[in-house]
Amino acid sequence: QLHPKTTALRAASPENKRGLESRACFRSSQRRTGWLAASVAWLLLGVSGSGCAPPPCRCPDPIASTLPKPLPVAAPPLDAVVGSVVQIKVKVDEQMSSGKLSESYEYGTGFFVDERGRILTSAHVLAGIVDARRISVLHGGRPLQARIVWTDRDCDLAVLSVDAGKIRPMRLAEAAPRLGERVFAVGFPYVDVFTDHLPAFSSGNLAGTGRSIDYEGRQVDALLLTDAFVADGCSGGPLLNEAGEVIGVLRFNLSRKGTWMGLSFAEPIGSYLSHKSGGAP
């Protein structure tokens, strides 16, 4: 048995160093030969279709790089919209029964379009009522007497006016809406349930533009189509894009036997802008 110091001296001698270097070179040569043989075998097996999968390609996909980027899904500043949307209450009937007055109301939604207190809504929300004393606007729960400025049943739009003090009107989109973009429907649904006088928001995508449908026996053209939920009471409310701009006025949803079919319609805001540019007050 060698002493540890003797072993260390022998390992450090020139003869031992040359021996170690020779063995190291031999092992390195073995590794290179093994790697080369494995590479050739992989190529042969790959060509012969043995099922060995090639390593994953790390090159950029030229097709994927040309695809359009997904649309952003950020929500607009919805808190700022709350004060610009109003609830519309219309007395459609009143009867005396057993000495008691019975009144019937229809409800809808509208929104401010200027600082003078002008409110845009759907004409059918007014239910054909021409007596403005039967139309009340609830702004933050505060009732305001409305005046009828104009109505157009062809495009189902109407403008009311109220004295609401300082208000913030909605921003109206001037650019054409983009098919597939994210949209938000705003309105006052289910007035028999909610008592806080706050609007509700639903989101979806713009599923169609310029659509034509048969509605109650007459054709309606140039509608916006969305899968955002629009409940009873939301008619006349704004349909917003991702920037918080109004692109349409909610009209009705598609339902059968009382069941919503997943689609809703809106009148493009361009119909109102055309009225405004044509001299409508």
Protein backbone atom coordinates (compact mmCIF):
# COMPACT_ATOMS: atom_id res chain seq x y z
CA GLN A 1 0.00 0.00 0.00
CA LEU A 2 1.34 3.39 -1.03
CA HIS A 3 1.51 6.32 1.26
CA PRO A 4 -0.79 9.24 0.24
CA LYS A 5 2.22 11.51 -0.29
CA THR A 6 3.87 8.91 -2.59
CA THR A 7 0.65 8.64 -4.66
CA ALA A 8 0.50 12.42 -5.05
CA LEU A 9 4.13 12.54 -6.19
CA ARG A 10 3.61 9.83 -8.79
CA ALA A 11 0.47 11.58 -10.15
CA ALA A 12 2.45 14.77 -10.53
CA SER A 13 5.39 13.17 -12.38
CA PRO A 14 5.84 13.94 -16.14
CA GLU A 15 5.26 10.26 -17.11
CA ASN A 16 1.95 10.16 -15.24
CA LYS A 17 0.86 13.49 -16.78
CA ARG A 18 1.43 12.15 -20.30
CA GLY A 19 -0.54 9.03 -19.42
CA LEU A 20 -3.46 11.05 -18.10
CA GLU A 21 -3.47 13.27 -21.17
CA SER A 22 -3.53 10.22 -23.47
CA ARG A 23 -6.48 8.68 -21.64
CA ALA A 24 -8.35 12.03 -21.72
CA CYS A 25 -7.82 12.39 -25.47
CA PHE A 26 -9.03 8.81 -25.97
CA ARG A 27 -12.23 9.48 -24.03
CA SER A 28 -12.82 12.74 -25.96
CA SER A 29 -12.35 10.85 -29.23
CA GLN A 30 -14.83 8.23 -28.05
CA ARG A 31 -17.44 10.94 -27.28
CA ARG A 32 -16.99 12.58 -30.69
CA THR A 33 -17.23 9.22 -32.45
CA GLY A 34 -20.37 8.33 -30.46
CA TRP A 35 -22.03 11.65 -31.26
CA LEU A 36 -21.21 11.32 -34.96
CA ALA A 37 -22.56 7.77 -35.05
CA ALA A 38 -25.77 8.84 -33.29
CA SER A 39 -26.26 11.70 -35.76
CA VAL A 40 -25.82 9.40 -38.77
CA ALA A 41 -28.20 6.87 -37.24
CA TRP A 42 -30.83 9.55 -36.63
CA LEU A 43 -30.59 10.73 -40.23
CA LEU A 44 -30.90 7.18 -41.56
CA LEU A 45 -33.82 6.37 -39.29
CA GLY A 46 -35.55 9.64 -40.09
CA VAL A 47 -35.26 9.06 -43.82
CA SER A 48 -36.48 5.49 -43.55
CA GLY A 49 -39.62 6.62 -41.71
CA SER A 50 -38.97 4.81 -38.44
CA GLY A 51 -41.17 7.31 -36.56
CA CYS A 52 -38.39 9.30 -34.89
CA ALA A 53 -39.58 12.88 -34.74
CA PRO A 54 -37.13 15.64 -35.71
CA PRO A 55 -36.25 18.22 -33.11
CA PRO A 56 -38.69 21.16 -32.86
CA CYS A 57 -38.06 24.03 -35.25
CA ARG A 58 -37.21 27.28 -33.51
CA CYS A 59 -37.54 29.39 -36.65
CA PRO A 60 -40.36 32.01 -36.78
CA ASP A 61 -43.51 30.86 -38.57
CA PRO A 62 -43.86 33.03 -41.71
CA ILE A 63 -47.62 32.35 -41.87
CA ALA A 64 -48.31 33.16 -38.22
CA SER A 65 -46.37 36.41 -38.54
CA THR A 66 -48.77 37.61 -41.26
CA LEU A 67 -51.99 36.85 -39.34
CA PRO A 68 -53.87 39.88 -37.91
CA LYS A 69 -53.35 40.55 -34.24
CA PRO A 70 -56.33 39.84 -31.96
CA LEU A 71 -58.55 42.77 -31.11
CA PRO A 72 -57.99 44.32 -27.67
CA VAL A 73 -60.58 43.53 -25.04
CA ALA A 74 -60.07 46.42 -22.65
CA ALA A 75 -63.30 47.93 -21.38
CA PRO A 76 -64.04 51.63 -21.86
CA PRO A 77 -64.29 53.92 -18.82
CA LEU A 78 -67.80 52.71 -17.94
CA ASP A 79 -68.02 54.71 -14.71
CA ALA A 80 -68.10 57.90 -16.76
CA VAL A 81 -71.06 56.58 -18.74
CA VAL A 82 -73.40 56.19 -15.76
CA GLY A 83 -74.20 59.90 -15.46
CA SER A 84 -74.87 60.22 -19.19
CA VAL A 85 -77.53 57.49 -19.43
CA VAL A 86 -81.15 58.09 -18.33
CA GLN A 87 -84.24 56.00 -17.80
CA ILE A 88 -87.40 56.96 -19.67
CA LYS A 89 -90.84 56.36 -18.19
CA VAL A 90 -93.92 56.72 -20.40
CA LYS A 91 -97.51 56.59 -19.18
CA VAL A 92 -99.33 54.62 -21.86
CA ASP A 93 -102.71 54.15 -20.16
CA GLU A 94 -104.77 55.18 -17.16
CA GLN A 95 -108.16 53.89 -16.06
CA MET A 96 -110.51 54.36 -13.14
CA SER A 97 -111.60 51.10 -11.54
CA SER A 98 -113.64 50.89 -8.35
CA GLY A 99 -112.79 54.47 -7.55
CA LYS A 100 -109.04 53.84 -7.98
CA LEU A 101 -106.81 55.17 -10.71
CA SER A 102 -104.87 52.45 -12.51
CA GLU A 103 -101.85 53.54 -14.58
CA SER A 104 -99.72 51.58 -17.04
CA TYR A 105 -96.15 52.51 -17.95
CA GLU A 106 -93.57 51.55 -20.54
CA TYR A 107 -89.88 51.95 -19.82
CA GLY A 108 -86.83 52.54 -21.95
CA THR A 109 -83.37 54.08 -21.95
CA GLY A 110 -81.82 57.20 -23.47
CA PHE A 111 -78.55 59.11 -23.29
CA PHE A 112 -77.41 62.73 -23.49
CA VAL A 113 -75.96 63.80 -26.82
CA ASP A 114 -75.18 67.44 -26.02
CA GLU A 115 -74.79 69.80 -23.09
CA ARG A 116 -78.19 71.42 -23.74
CA GLY A 117 -79.99 68.40 -22.29
CA ARG A 118 -80.88 66.65 -25.56
CA ILE A 119 -81.54 62.94 -25.12
CA LEU A 120 -81.42 60.38 -27.91
CA THR A 121 -83.58 57.28 -27.62
CA SER A 122 -85.65 54.89 -29.74
CA ALA A 123 -88.92 56.20 -31.12
CA HIS A 124 -90.81 53.06 -30.10
CA VAL A 125 -89.93 53.77 -26.45
CA LEU A 126 -92.40 56.67 -26.60
CA ALA A 127 -95.12 54.20 -27.66
CA GLY A 128 -96.70 56.76 -29.98
CA ILE A 129 -97.31 59.21 -27.14
CA VAL A 130 -97.30 62.83 -28.32
CA ASP A 131 -98.27 64.43 -25.01
CA ALA A 132 -94.93 65.21 -23.37
CA ARG A 133 -96.62 65.47 -19.96
CA ARG A 134 -96.88 61.69 -20.01
CA ILE A 135 -93.11 61.27 -20.54
CA SER A 136 -90.74 61.45 -17.59
CA VAL A 137 -86.97 61.14 -17.57
CA LEU A 138 -85.17 59.73 -14.53
CA HIS A 139 -81.63 61.07 -14.22
CA GLY A 140 -79.92 59.41 -11.28
CA GLY A 141 -83.39 58.65 -9.92
CA ARG A 142 -84.42 62.31 -10.14
CA PRO A 143 -87.57 62.80 -12.29
CA LEU A 144 -87.38 65.44 -15.01
CA GLN A 145 -90.14 66.63 -17.28
CA ALA A 146 -89.31 65.85 -20.90
CA ARG A 147 -90.14 67.70 -24.10
CA ILE A 148 -90.33 65.98 -27.48
CA VAL A 149 -87.95 67.55 -30.00
CA TRP A 150 -88.46 65.19 -32.95
CA THR A 151 -89.21 61.56 -33.78
CA ASP A 152 -88.50 59.45 -36.86
CA ARG A 153 -90.24 56.07 -36.92
CA ASP A 154 -88.46 54.99 -40.10
CA CYS A 155 -85.12 54.79 -38.31
CA ASP A 156 -86.77 54.38 -34.90
CA LEU A 157 -85.10 57.42 -33.32
CA ALA A 158 -86.42 60.21 -31.13
CA VAL A 159 -84.89 63.19 -29.36
CA LEU A 160 -86.14 64.54 -26.05
CA SER A 161 -85.04 67.59 -24.10
CA VAL A 162 -84.82 68.13 -20.34
CA ASP A 163 -83.44 70.73 -17.96
CA ALA A 164 -80.85 68.61 -16.15
CA GLY A 165 -78.28 71.25 -15.24
CA LYS A 166 -74.63 70.42 -15.86
CA ILE A 167 -74.31 67.11 -17.70
CA ARG A 168 -71.71 65.14 -19.59
CA PRO A 169 -72.92 64.08 -23.05
CA MET A 170 -71.85 60.81 -24.64
CA ARG A 171 -69.19 60.83 -27.34
CA LEU A 172 -70.54 59.75 -30.72
CA ALA A 173 -68.35 57.66 -33.00
CA GLU A 174 -67.74 59.13 -36.45
CA ALA A 175 -65.74 56.20 -37.84
CA ALA A 176 -67.54 53.13 -39.14
CA PRO A 177 -67.72 50.27 -36.61
CA ARG A 178 -65.44 47.27 -37.15
CA LEU A 179 -66.92 43.84 -37.59
CA GLY A 180 -65.93 41.64 -34.66
CA GLU A 181 -64.91 44.46 -32.33
CA ARG A 182 -65.81 44.38 -28.65
CA VAL A 183 -69.01 46.28 -27.81
CA PHE A 184 -70.97 47.18 -24.67
CA ALA A 185 -74.75 47.57 -24.36
CA VAL A 186 -76.06 49.94 -21.68
CA GLY A 187 -79.61 50.19 -20.38
CA PHE A 188 -82.11 49.88 -17.53
CA PRO A 189 -83.49 46.33 -17.59
CA TYR A 190 -86.12 44.78 -15.34
CA VAL A 191 -87.48 47.91 -13.69
CA ASP A 192 -89.72 45.73 -11.53
CA VAL A 193 -86.60 44.24 -9.91
CA PHE A 194 -83.98 46.99 -9.60
CA THR A 195 -84.71 50.00 -7.42
CA ASP A 196 -81.30 51.73 -7.39
CA HIS A 197 -81.79 53.58 -10.73
CA LEU A 198 -78.40 52.47 -12.06
CA PRO A 199 -77.83 51.24 -15.61
CA ALA A 200 -76.61 47.74 -16.40
CA PHE A 201 -73.81 46.84 -18.81
CA SER A 202 -73.44 43.77 -20.99
CA SER A 203 -70.58 42.97 -23.34
CA GLY A 204 -70.28 41.12 -26.61
CA ASN A 205 -68.96 41.44 -30.13
CA LEU A 206 -70.21 43.27 -33.18
CA ALA A 207 -71.57 40.30 -35.12
CA GLY A 208 -72.82 42.17 -38.18
CA THR A 209 -73.21 45.52 -39.92
CA GLY A 210 -75.70 46.63 -42.54
CA ARG A 211 -78.06 43.74 -41.74
CA SER A 212 -81.64 43.57 -43.02
CA ILE A 213 -84.45 41.75 -41.22
CA ASP A 214 -88.22 41.30 -41.38
CA TYR A 215 -89.63 42.91 -38.24
CA GLU A 216 -93.38 42.73 -37.59
CA GLY A 217 -94.17 42.49 -41.28
CA ARG A 218 -91.87 45.22 -42.56
CA GLN A 219 -88.25 45.20 -43.66
CA VAL A 220 -85.71 47.03 -41.55
CA ASP A 221 -82.32 47.72 -43.14
CA ALA A 222 -78.79 48.78 -42.18
CA LEU A 223 -78.87 47.38 -38.64
CA LEU A 224 -75.97 46.58 -36.35
CA LEU A 225 -75.97 43.05 -34.96
CA THR A 226 -74.43 42.07 -31.63
CA ASP A 227 -74.43 39.13 -29.24
CA ALA A 228 -74.45 41.47 -26.22
CA PHE A 229 -77.53 40.88 -24.10
CA VAL A 230 -80.29 43.49 -24.46
CA ALA A 231 -83.19 43.02 -22.04
CA ASP A 232 -86.58 44.71 -21.85
CA GLY A 233 -86.13 48.31 -20.76
CA CYS A 234 -82.80 48.74 -22.57
CA SER A 235 -84.30 49.96 -25.86
CA GLY A 236 -82.92 53.39 -26.72
CA GLY A 237 -79.71 52.80 -24.78
CA PRO A 238 -76.25 53.27 -26.28
CA LEU A 239 -74.14 50.57 -27.89
CA LEU A 240 -70.51 51.48 -27.18
CA ASN A 241 -67.22 50.55 -28.77
CA GLU A 242 -64.02 49.93 -26.79
CA ALA A 243 -63.24 53.65 -26.74
CA GLY A 244 -66.54 54.37 -24.99
CA GLU A 245 -68.03 56.01 -28.11
CA VAL A 246 -71.63 55.42 -29.17
CA ILE A 247 -71.83 53.38 -32.37
CA GLY A 248 -75.54 52.55 -32.19
CA VAL A 249 -78.88 52.92 -30.43
CA LEU A 250 -80.32 49.68 -29.07
CA ARG A 251 -83.60 48.70 -30.73
CA PHE A 252 -84.66 45.14 -29.91
CA ASN A 253 -83.40 41.62 -29.38
CA LEU A 254 -84.15 38.45 -31.28
CA SER A 255 -86.41 36.21 -29.21
CA ARG A 256 -88.86 33.42 -29.80
CA LYS A 257 -91.60 32.46 -27.35
CA GLY A 258 -90.05 34.77 -24.78
CA THR A 259 -86.58 33.22 -25.03
CA TRP A 260 -83.65 35.35 -26.14
CA MET A 261 -81.93 33.81 -29.16
CA GLY A 262 -78.54 35.37 -28.43
CA LEU A 263 -78.67 38.29 -30.89
CA SER A 264 -79.67 41.94 -30.52
CA PHE A 265 -80.00 44.82 -32.98
CA ALA A 266 -79.10 48.50 -32.90
CA GLU A 267 -79.64 51.48 -35.17
CA PRO A 268 -76.29 52.90 -36.34
CA ILE A 269 -75.43 56.25 -34.77
CA GLY A 270 -74.87 57.49 -38.31
CA SER A 271 -78.66 57.72 -38.71
CA TYR A 272 -78.79 60.34 -35.96
CA LEU A 273 -75.75 62.19 -37.31
CA SER A 274 -77.42 62.35 -40.73
CA HIS A 275 -80.50 63.91 -39.13
CA LYS A 276 -78.31 66.39 -37.31
CA SER A 277 -76.36 67.39 -40.41
CA GLY A 278 -79.62 67.68 -42.32
CA GLY A 279 -80.82 70.45 -40.04
CA ALA A 280 -82.74 68.51 -37.39
CA PRO A 281 -82.69 70.32 -34.03
